[in-house]
Amino acid sequence: MQTPCVHVCSMVSGSGFCAGCGRTLEEIGGWMGYSDAERRRIMALLPARLSGAVMASNPTKPELAGGPERPL
């Protein structure tokens, strides 16, 4: 079964999404019971959610949303 879990489980209070996988608590809890089609539908939403979750969890460091930090 495909899962977006990356074992970085931390809910972002501003968005309600997991900072690691981008799912809601409801989606995480129901994942095993969802059909393959429903899991694919949710997984299609995750990249946009994760982009927003990074910004919501660390609004003072916008460079984190674009990738790793660059050395000085």
PDB file of N, CA and C in Angstrom:
ATOM      1  N   MET A   1       0.840  -1.169   0.000  1.00  0.00           N
ATOM      2  CA  MET A   1       0.000   0.000   0.000  1.00  0.00           C
ATOM      3  C   MET A   1       0.893   1.242   0.000  1.00  0.00           C
ATOM      4  N   GLN A   2       0.596   2.167  -0.874  1.00  0.00           N
ATOM      5  CA  GLN A   2       1.373   3.400  -0.983  1.00  0.00           C
ATOM      6  C   GLN A   2       0.996   4.346   0.152  1.00  0.00           C
ATOM      7  N   THR A   3       1.988   4.986   0.741  1.00  0.00           N
ATOM      8  CA  THR A   3       1.759   5.958   1.809  1.00  0.00           C
ATOM      9  C   THR A   3       2.737   7.119   1.650  1.00  0.00           C
ATOM     10  N   PRO A   4       2.292   8.338   1.963  1.00  0.00           N
ATOM     11  CA  PRO A   4       3.189   9.485   1.882  1.00  0.00           C
ATOM     12  C   PRO A   4       3.991   9.711   3.163  1.00  0.00           C
ATOM     13  N   CYS A   5       3.834   8.852   4.150  1.00  0.00           N
ATOM     14  CA  CYS A   5       4.499   9.037   5.436  1.00  0.00           C
ATOM     15  C   CYS A   5       6.020   9.025   5.267  1.00  0.00           C
ATOM     16  N   VAL A   6       6.665  10.034   5.862  1.00  0.00           N
ATOM     17  CA  VAL A   6       8.125  10.116   5.838  1.00  0.00           C
ATOM     18  C   VAL A   6       8.687  10.060   7.262  1.00  0.00           C
ATOM     19  N   HIS A   7       7.843   9.677   8.215  1.00  0.00           N
ATOM     20  CA  HIS A   7       8.225   9.524   9.618  1.00  0.00           C
ATOM     21  C   HIS A   7       8.728  10.820  10.240  1.00  0.00           C
ATOM     22  N   VAL A   8       8.142  11.930   9.809  1.00  0.00           N
ATOM     23  CA  VAL A   8       8.368  13.244  10.410  1.00  0.00           C
ATOM     24  C   VAL A   8       6.986  13.730  10.828  1.00  0.00           C
ATOM     25  N   CYS A   9       6.490  13.195  11.911  1.00  0.00           N
ATOM     26  CA  CYS A   9       5.110  13.439  12.332  1.00  0.00           C
ATOM     27  C   CYS A   9       5.035  14.639  13.259  1.00  0.00           C
ATOM     28  N   SER A  10       4.554  15.744  12.715  1.00  0.00           N
ATOM     29  CA  SER A  10       4.413  16.969  13.483  1.00  0.00           C
ATOM     30  C   SER A  10       3.303  17.787  12.847  1.00  0.00           C
ATOM     31  N   MET A  11       2.226  18.010  13.590  1.00  0.00           N
ATOM     32  CA  MET A  11       1.098  18.753  13.047  1.00  0.00           C
ATOM     33  C   MET A  11       1.379  20.248  13.101  1.00  0.00           C
ATOM     34  N   VAL A  12       1.087  20.945  12.012  1.00  0.00           N
ATOM     35  CA  VAL A  12       1.263  22.393  11.920  1.00  0.00           C
ATOM     36  C   VAL A  12      -0.054  23.026  12.360  1.00  0.00           C
ATOM     37  N   SER A  13      -0.030  23.731  13.482  1.00  0.00           N
ATOM     38  CA  SER A  13      -1.266  24.244  14.062  1.00  0.00           C
ATOM     39  C   SER A  13      -1.993  25.221  13.134  1.00  0.00           C
ATOM     40  N   GLY A  14      -1.283  26.005  12.374  1.00  0.00           N
ATOM     41  CA  GLY A  14      -1.919  26.984  11.494  1.00  0.00           C
ATOM     42  C   GLY A  14      -2.655  26.374  10.319  1.00  0.00           C
ATOM     43  N   SER A  15      -2.216  25.200   9.877  1.00  0.00           N
ATOM     44  CA  SER A  15      -2.824  24.588   8.698  1.00  0.00           C
ATOM     45  C   SER A  15      -3.615  23.325   9.017  1.00  0.00           C
ATOM     46  N   GLY A  16      -3.251  22.640  10.093  1.00  0.00           N
ATOM     47  CA  GLY A  16      -3.890  21.367  10.409  1.00  0.00           C
ATOM     48  C   GLY A  16      -3.308  20.191   9.645  1.00  0.00           C
ATOM     49  N   PHE A  17      -2.218  20.422   8.925  1.00  0.00           N
ATOM     50  CA  PHE A  17      -1.568  19.371   8.144  1.00  0.00           C
ATOM     51  C   PHE A  17      -0.299  18.898   8.852  1.00  0.00           C
ATOM     52  N   CYS A  18       0.058  17.646   8.618  1.00  0.00           N
ATOM     53  CA  CYS A  18       1.321  17.116   9.111  1.00  0.00           C
ATOM     54  C   CYS A  18       2.460  17.768   8.314  1.00  0.00           C
ATOM     55  N   ALA A  19       3.475  18.243   9.009  1.00  0.00           N
ATOM     56  CA  ALA A  19       4.616  18.880   8.341  1.00  0.00           C
ATOM     57  C   ALA A  19       5.420  17.880   7.525  1.00  0.00           C
ATOM     58  N   GLY A  20       5.337  16.595   7.856  1.00  0.00           N
ATOM     59  CA  GLY A  20       6.086  15.576   7.128  1.00  0.00           C
ATOM     60  C   GLY A  20       5.399  15.093   5.868  1.00  0.00           C
ATOM     61  N   CYS A  21       4.109  14.762   5.983  1.00  0.00           N
ATOM     62  CA  CYS A  21       3.424  14.155   4.835  1.00  0.00           C
ATOM     63  C   CYS A  21       2.337  15.036   4.225  1.00  0.00           C
ATOM     64  N   GLY A  22       1.854  16.022   4.955  1.00  0.00           N
ATOM     65  CA  GLY A  22       0.843  16.924   4.427  1.00  0.00           C
ATOM     66  C   GLY A  22      -0.595  16.477   4.649  1.00  0.00           C
ATOM     67  N   ARG A  23      -0.785  15.351   5.323  1.00  0.00           N
ATOM     68  CA  ARG A  23      -2.152  14.879   5.560  1.00  0.00           C
ATOM     69  C   ARG A  23      -2.738  15.473   6.840  1.00  0.00           C
ATOM     70  N   THR A  24      -4.061  15.444   6.938  1.00  0.00           N
ATOM     71  CA  THR A  24      -4.747  15.833   8.165  1.00  0.00           C
ATOM     72  C   THR A  24      -4.759  14.643   9.106  1.00  0.00           C
ATOM     73  N   LEU A  25      -5.092  14.881  10.370  1.00  0.00           N
ATOM     74  CA  LEU A  25      -5.204  13.779  11.320  1.00  0.00           C
ATOM     75  C   LEU A  25      -6.275  12.779  10.862  1.00  0.00           C
ATOM     76  N   GLU A  26      -7.360  13.289  10.331  1.00  0.00           N
ATOM     77  CA  GLU A  26      -8.430  12.413   9.832  1.00  0.00           C
ATOM     78  C   GLU A  26      -7.913  11.519   8.702  1.00  0.00           C
ATOM     79  N   GLU A  27      -7.154  12.105   7.780  1.00  0.00           N
ATOM     80  CA  GLU A  27      -6.609  11.319   6.668  1.00  0.00           C
ATOM     81  C   GLU A  27      -5.582  10.296   7.145  1.00  0.00           C
ATOM     82  N   ILE A  28      -4.755  10.677   8.096  1.00  0.00           N
ATOM     83  CA  ILE A  28      -3.766   9.738   8.634  1.00  0.00           C
ATOM     84  C   ILE A  28      -4.472   8.566   9.300  1.00  0.00           C
ATOM     85  N   GLY A  29      -5.473   8.867  10.123  1.00  0.00           N
ATOM     86  CA  GLY A  29      -6.198   7.829  10.836  1.00  0.00           C
ATOM     87  C   GLY A  29      -6.995   6.906   9.931  1.00  0.00           C
ATOM     88  N   GLY A  30      -7.516   7.438   8.832  1.00  0.00           N
ATOM     89  CA  GLY A  30      -8.346   6.639   7.940  1.00  0.00           C
ATOM     90  C   GLY A  30      -7.619   6.035   6.763  1.00  0.00           C
ATOM     91  N   TRP A  31      -6.309   6.262   6.671  1.00  0.00           N
ATOM     92  CA  TRP A  31      -5.531   5.880   5.492  1.00  0.00           C
ATOM     93  C   TRP A  31      -5.704   4.421   5.091  1.00  0.00           C
ATOM     94  N   MET A  32      -5.640   3.530   6.056  1.00  0.00           N
ATOM     95  CA  MET A  32      -5.731   2.093   5.756  1.00  0.00           C
ATOM     96  C   MET A  32      -7.105   1.706   5.211  1.00  0.00           C
ATOM     97  N   GLY A  33      -8.139   2.443   5.562  1.00  0.00           N
ATOM     98  CA  GLY A  33      -9.490   2.126   5.114  1.00  0.00           C
ATOM     99  C   GLY A  33      -9.882   2.767   3.795  1.00  0.00           C
ATOM    100  N   TYR A  34      -9.069   3.694   3.296  1.00  0.00           N
ATOM    101  CA  TYR A  34      -9.387   4.363   2.039  1.00  0.00           C
ATOM    102  C   TYR A  34      -9.127   3.450   0.849  1.00  0.00           C
ATOM    103  N   SER A  35      -9.878   3.672  -0.201  1.00  0.00           N
ATOM    104  CA  SER A  35      -9.639   2.943  -1.450  1.00  0.00           C
ATOM    105  C   SER A  35      -8.358   3.484  -2.090  1.00  0.00           C
ATOM    106  N   ASP A  36      -7.818   2.742  -3.040  1.00  0.00           N
ATOM    107  CA  ASP A  36      -6.627   3.211  -3.764  1.00  0.00           C
ATOM    108  C   ASP A  36      -6.910   4.546  -4.451  1.00  0.00           C
ATOM    109  N   ALA A  37      -8.106   4.686  -5.000  1.00  0.00           N
ATOM    110  CA  ALA A  37      -8.473   5.930  -5.692  1.00  0.00           C
ATOM    111  C   ALA A  37      -8.493   7.103  -4.720  1.00  0.00           C
ATOM    112  N   GLU A  38      -9.031   6.896  -3.528  1.00  0.00           N
ATOM    113  CA  GLU A  38      -9.078   7.967  -2.539  1.00  0.00           C
ATOM    114  C   GLU A  38      -7.675   8.324  -2.060  1.00  0.00           C
ATOM    115  N   ARG A  39      -6.822   7.348  -1.854  1.00  0.00           N
ATOM    116  CA  ARG A  39      -5.441   7.638  -1.457  1.00  0.00           C
ATOM    117  C   ARG A  39      -4.719   8.420  -2.560  1.00  0.00           C
ATOM    118  N   ARG A  40      -4.930   8.038  -3.818  1.00  0.00           N
ATOM    119  CA  ARG A  40      -4.307   8.783  -4.930  1.00  0.00           C
ATOM    120  C   ARG A  40      -4.817  10.215  -4.975  1.00  0.00           C
ATOM    121  N   ARG A  41      -6.122  10.410  -4.728  1.00  0.00           N
ATOM    122  CA  ARG A  41      -6.700  11.753  -4.752  1.00  0.00           C
ATOM    123  C   ARG A  41      -6.048  12.618  -3.670  1.00  0.00           C
ATOM    124  N   ILE A  42      -5.906  12.069  -2.482  1.00  0.00           N
ATOM    125  CA  ILE A  42      -5.284  12.817  -1.386  1.00  0.00           C
ATOM    126  C   ILE A  42      -3.818  13.088  -1.695  1.00  0.00           C
ATOM    127  N   MET A  43      -3.118  12.090  -2.206  1.00  0.00           N
ATOM    128  CA  MET A  43      -1.694  12.264  -2.502  1.00  0.00           C
ATOM    129  C   MET A  43      -1.457  13.341  -3.553  1.00  0.00           C
ATOM    130  N   ALA A  44      -2.405  13.530  -4.454  1.00  0.00           N
ATOM    131  CA  ALA A  44      -2.272  14.586  -5.461  1.00  0.00           C
ATOM    132  C   ALA A  44      -2.336  15.976  -4.826  1.00  0.00           C
ATOM    133  N   LEU A  45      -2.966  16.088  -3.671  1.00  0.00           N
ATOM    134  CA  LEU A  45      -3.085  17.375  -2.976  1.00  0.00           C
ATOM    135  C   LEU A  45      -1.862  17.714  -2.130  1.00  0.00           C
ATOM    136  N   LEU A  46      -1.077  16.714  -1.789  1.00  0.00           N
ATOM    137  CA  LEU A  46      -0.015  16.887  -0.803  1.00  0.00           C
ATOM    138  C   LEU A  46       1.097  17.863  -1.187  1.00  0.00           C
ATOM    139  N   PRO A  47       1.576  17.891  -2.425  1.00  0.00           N
ATOM    140  CA  PRO A  47       2.657  18.853  -2.730  1.00  0.00           C
ATOM    141  C   PRO A  47       2.257  20.301  -2.433  1.00  0.00           C
ATOM    142  N   ALA A  48       1.048  20.689  -2.795  1.00  0.00           N
ATOM    143  CA  ALA A  48       0.607  22.062  -2.525  1.00  0.00           C
ATOM    144  C   ALA A  48       0.430  22.288  -1.029  1.00  0.00           C
ATOM    145  N   ARG A  49      -0.078  21.293  -0.334  1.00  0.00           N
ATOM    146  CA  ARG A  49      -0.234  21.410   1.114  1.00  0.00           C
ATOM    147  C   ARG A  49       1.115  21.567   1.793  1.00  0.00           C
ATOM    148  N   LEU A  50       2.071  20.773   1.385  1.00  0.00           N
ATOM    149  CA  LEU A  50       3.391  20.834   2.011  1.00  0.00           C
ATOM    150  C   LEU A  50       4.071  22.168   1.751  1.00  0.00           C
ATOM    151  N   SER A  51       3.881  22.724   0.592  1.00  0.00           N
ATOM    152  CA  SER A  51       4.450  24.045   0.302  1.00  0.00           C
ATOM    153  C   SER A  51       3.898  25.075   1.268  1.00  0.00           C
ATOM    154  N   GLY A  52       2.598  25.026   1.505  1.00  0.00           N
ATOM    155  CA  GLY A  52       1.953  25.946   2.437  1.00  0.00           C
ATOM    156  C   GLY A  52       2.282  25.631   3.879  1.00  0.00           C
ATOM    157  N   ALA A  53       2.424  24.353   4.227  1.00  0.00           N
ATOM    158  CA  ALA A  53       2.697  23.958   5.613  1.00  0.00           C
ATOM    159  C   ALA A  53       4.067  24.422   6.053  1.00  0.00           C
ATOM    160  N   VAL A  54       5.041  24.382   5.171  1.00  0.00           N
ATOM    161  CA  VAL A  54       6.383  24.832   5.518  1.00  0.00           C
ATOM    162  C   VAL A  54       6.341  26.313   5.860  1.00  0.00           C
ATOM    163  N   MET A  55       5.643  27.087   5.064  1.00  0.00           N
ATOM    164  CA  MET A  55       5.553  28.521   5.319  1.00  0.00           C
ATOM    165  C   MET A  55       4.790  28.808   6.603  1.00  0.00           C
ATOM    166  N   ALA A  56       3.708  28.073   6.855  1.00  0.00           N
ATOM    167  CA  ALA A  56       2.906  28.313   8.053  1.00  0.00           C
ATOM    168  C   ALA A  56       3.664  27.932   9.316  1.00  0.00           C
ATOM    169  N   SER A  57       4.530  26.941   9.225  1.00  0.00           N
ATOM    170  CA  SER A  57       5.247  26.498  10.417  1.00  0.00           C
ATOM    171  C   SER A  57       6.469  27.354  10.709  1.00  0.00           C
ATOM    172  N   ASN A  58       6.971  28.092   9.709  1.00  0.00           N
ATOM    173  CA  ASN A  58       8.182  28.883   9.905  1.00  0.00           C
ATOM    174  C   ASN A  58       8.096  30.159   9.069  1.00  0.00           C
ATOM    175  N   PRO A  59       7.185  31.077   9.422  1.00  0.00           N
ATOM    176  CA  PRO A  59       6.973  32.256   8.591  1.00  0.00           C
ATOM    177  C   PRO A  59       8.149  33.217   8.540  1.00  0.00           C
ATOM    178  N   THR A  60       9.098  33.123   9.454  1.00  0.00           N
ATOM    179  CA  THR A  60      10.232  34.037   9.446  1.00  0.00           C
ATOM    180  C   THR A  60      11.377  33.546   8.586  1.00  0.00           C
ATOM    181  N   LYS A  61      11.292  32.326   8.046  1.00  0.00           N
ATOM    182  CA  LYS A  61      12.359  31.780   7.217  1.00  0.00           C
ATOM    183  C   LYS A  61      11.793  31.311   5.884  1.00  0.00           C
ATOM    184  N   PRO A  62      11.444  32.228   4.980  1.00  0.00           N
ATOM    185  CA  PRO A  62      10.833  31.834   3.718  1.00  0.00           C
ATOM    186  C   PRO A  62      11.741  30.996   2.832  1.00  0.00           C
ATOM    187  N   GLU A  63      13.058  31.044   3.025  1.00  0.00           N
ATOM    188  CA  GLU A  63      13.945  30.252   2.182  1.00  0.00           C
ATOM    189  C   GLU A  63      13.742  28.760   2.373  1.00  0.00           C
ATOM    190  N   LEU A  64      13.167  28.338   3.491  1.00  0.00           N
ATOM    191  CA  LEU A  64      12.936  26.916   3.721  1.00  0.00           C
ATOM    192  C   LEU A  64      11.927  26.337   2.742  1.00  0.00           C
ATOM    193  N   ALA A  65      11.016  27.159   2.250  1.00  0.00           N
ATOM    194  CA  ALA A  65      10.008  26.662   1.322  1.00  0.00           C
ATOM    195  C   ALA A  65      10.623  26.310  -0.035  1.00  0.00           C
ATOM    196  N   GLY A  66      11.742  26.939  -0.370  1.00  0.00           N
ATOM    197  CA  GLY A  66      12.349  26.705  -1.675  1.00  0.00           C
ATOM    198  C   GLY A  66      13.382  25.598  -1.709  1.00  0.00           C
ATOM    199  N   GLY A  67      13.739  25.054  -0.589  1.00  0.00           N
ATOM    200  CA  GLY A  67      14.720  23.989  -0.567  1.00  0.00           C
ATOM    201  C   GLY A  67      15.751  24.215   0.516  1.00  0.00           C
ATOM    202  N   PRO A  68      16.854  23.526   0.437  1.00  0.00           N
ATOM    203  CA  PRO A  68      17.866  23.630   1.484  1.00  0.00           C
ATOM    204  C   PRO A  68      18.521  25.013   1.488  1.00  0.00           C
ATOM    205  N   GLU A  69      19.041  25.377   2.646  1.00  0.00           N
ATOM    206  CA  GLU A  69      19.731  26.646   2.758  1.00  0.00           C
ATOM    207  C   GLU A  69      21.037  26.607   1.980  1.00  0.00           C
ATOM    208  N   ARG A  70      21.434  27.772   1.508  1.00  0.00           N
ATOM    209  CA  ARG A  70      22.705  27.888   0.795  1.00  0.00           C
ATOM    210  C   ARG A  70      23.777  28.358   1.761  1.00  0.00           C
ATOM    211  N   PRO A  71      25.005  27.875   1.612  1.00  0.00           N
ATOM    212  CA  PRO A  71      26.087  28.360   2.494  1.00  0.00           C
ATOM    213  C   PRO A  71      26.389  29.812   2.195  1.00  0.00           C
ATOM    214  N   LEU A  72      26.887  30.524   3.201  1.00  0.00           N
ATOM    215  CA  LEU A  72      27.236  31.954   3.022  1.00  0.00           C
ATOM    216  C   LEU A  72      28.505  32.132   2.256  1.00  0.00           C
TER     217      LEU A  72
END
